[in-house]
């Protein structure tokens, strides 16, 4: 299992609802969460061979920004 973290501008429950279908559509993502209480709005994505670029693409398609955290 691989876990990736991203700084995002997903800042509320409504925003989370907008990205939910996109993130749930990727079969490699088994679990994800956005910490909207954190000032950097951290998105944590876990799964088998999760692709950093694919996650960023899915987020961008929903109108949000994401930057990987190493």
C-alpha atoms as a PDB file:
ATOM      1  CA  UNK A   1       0.000   0.000   0.000  1.00  0.00           C
ATOM      2  CA  UNK A   2       1.278   3.415  -0.986  1.00  0.00           C
ATOM      3  CA  UNK A   3       0.280   6.731   0.624  1.00  0.00           C
ATOM      4  CA  UNK A   4       0.657  10.123  -1.036  1.00  0.00           C
ATOM      5  CA  UNK A   5      -0.024  13.573   0.421  1.00  0.00           C
ATOM      6  CA  UNK A   6      -0.954  16.762  -1.394  1.00  0.00           C
ATOM      7  CA  UNK A   7      -1.451  20.379  -0.376  1.00  0.00           C
ATOM      8  CA  UNK A   8      -4.788  21.486  -1.882  1.00  0.00           C
ATOM      9  CA  UNK A   9      -7.358  24.266  -1.965  1.00  0.00           C
ATOM     10  CA  UNK A  10     -10.195  21.851  -1.087  1.00  0.00           C
ATOM     11  CA  UNK A  11     -11.445  23.771   1.934  1.00  0.00           C
ATOM     12  CA  UNK A  12     -14.967  22.666   2.880  1.00  0.00           C
ATOM     13  CA  UNK A  13     -17.465  19.824   2.826  1.00  0.00           C
ATOM     14  CA  UNK A  14     -18.959  21.081  -0.422  1.00  0.00           C
ATOM     15  CA  UNK A  15     -15.525  21.019  -2.038  1.00  0.00           C
ATOM     16  CA  UNK A  16     -14.944  17.479  -0.761  1.00  0.00           C
ATOM     17  CA  UNK A  17     -18.284  16.466  -2.293  1.00  0.00           C
ATOM     18  CA  UNK A  18     -17.117  17.833  -5.665  1.00  0.00           C
ATOM     19  CA  UNK A  19     -13.894  15.774  -5.717  1.00  0.00           C
ATOM     20  CA  UNK A  20     -15.480  12.594  -4.315  1.00  0.00           C
ATOM     21  CA  UNK A  21     -16.712  11.144  -7.651  1.00  0.00           C
ATOM     22  CA  UNK A  22     -13.356  11.816  -9.322  1.00  0.00           C
ATOM     23  CA  UNK A  23     -11.241  10.235  -6.596  1.00  0.00           C
ATOM     24  CA  UNK A  24     -13.640   7.319  -6.157  1.00  0.00           C
ATOM     25  CA  UNK A  25     -13.454   6.598  -9.901  1.00  0.00           C
ATOM     26  CA  UNK A  26      -9.775   5.601  -9.758  1.00  0.00           C
ATOM     27  CA  UNK A  27      -9.570   1.870  -9.034  1.00  0.00           C
ATOM     28  CA  UNK A  28      -6.046   2.201  -7.619  1.00  0.00           C
ATOM     29  CA  UNK A  29      -7.217   4.561  -4.861  1.00  0.00           C
ATOM     30  CA  UNK A  30      -8.571   2.537  -1.946  1.00  0.00           C
ATOM     31  CA  UNK A  31      -8.844   5.335   0.614  1.00  0.00           C
ATOM     32  CA  UNK A  32      -8.578   9.112   0.669  1.00  0.00           C
ATOM     33  CA  UNK A  33      -9.233  11.975   3.073  1.00  0.00           C
ATOM     34  CA  UNK A  34      -8.965  15.773   3.050  1.00  0.00           C
ATOM     35  CA  UNK A  35      -8.019  17.448   6.327  1.00  0.00           C
ATOM     36  CA  UNK A  36     -10.003  20.675   5.913  1.00  0.00           C
ATOM     37  CA  UNK A  37      -8.996  21.758   9.436  1.00  0.00           C
ATOM     38  CA  UNK A  38      -5.324  21.915   8.423  1.00  0.00           C
ATOM     39  CA  UNK A  39      -4.309  25.301   6.980  1.00  0.00           C
ATOM     40  CA  UNK A  40      -2.772  23.496   3.967  1.00  0.00           C
ATOM     41  CA  UNK A  41      -5.937  21.393   3.336  1.00  0.00           C
ATOM     42  CA  UNK A  42      -3.947  18.146   3.130  1.00  0.00           C
ATOM     43  CA  UNK A  43      -5.288  15.410   0.852  1.00  0.00           C
ATOM     44  CA  UNK A  44      -4.041  11.943   1.804  1.00  0.00           C
ATOM     45  CA  UNK A  45      -4.491   9.225  -0.817  1.00  0.00           C
ATOM     46  CA  UNK A  46      -3.754   5.531  -0.237  1.00  0.00           C
ATOM     47  CA  UNK A  47      -3.869   2.565  -2.542  1.00  0.00           C
ATOM     48  CA  UNK A  48      -1.937   0.068  -4.571  1.00  0.00           C
ATOM     49  CA  UNK A  49       0.496   1.775  -6.966  1.00  0.00           C
ATOM     50  CA  UNK A  50      -1.214   5.182  -6.696  1.00  0.00           C
ATOM     51  CA  UNK A  51      -0.034   7.534  -9.449  1.00  0.00           C
ATOM     52  CA  UNK A  52       0.838  11.038  -8.212  1.00  0.00           C
ATOM     53  CA  UNK A  53       0.234  12.600 -11.639  1.00  0.00           C
ATOM     54  CA  UNK A  54      -3.134  10.836 -12.015  1.00  0.00           C
ATOM     55  CA  UNK A  55      -4.321  12.129  -8.618  1.00  0.00           C
ATOM     56  CA  UNK A  56      -3.285  15.676  -9.547  1.00  0.00           C
ATOM     57  CA  UNK A  57      -5.117  15.314 -12.880  1.00  0.00           C
ATOM     58  CA  UNK A  58      -8.306  14.090 -11.157  1.00  0.00           C
ATOM     59  CA  UNK A  59      -8.204  17.030  -8.730  1.00  0.00           C
ATOM     60  CA  UNK A  60      -7.581  19.521 -11.560  1.00  0.00           C
ATOM     61  CA  UNK A  61     -10.572  18.196 -13.528  1.00  0.00           C
ATOM     62  CA  UNK A  62     -12.807  19.118 -10.596  1.00  0.00           C
ATOM     63  CA  UNK A  63     -11.446  22.683 -10.561  1.00  0.00           C
ATOM     64  CA  UNK A  64      -9.102  22.408  -7.585  1.00  0.00           C
ATOM     65  CA  UNK A  65      -5.332  22.634  -7.223  1.00  0.00           C
ATOM     66  CA  UNK A  66      -2.993  20.091  -5.651  1.00  0.00           C
ATOM     67  CA  UNK A  67       0.730  20.065  -4.981  1.00  0.00           C
ATOM     68  CA  UNK A  68       2.558  16.921  -3.873  1.00  0.00           C
ATOM     69  CA  UNK A  69       4.174  16.919  -0.461  1.00  0.00           C
ATOM     70  CA  UNK A  70       7.356  14.853  -0.351  1.00  0.00           C
END
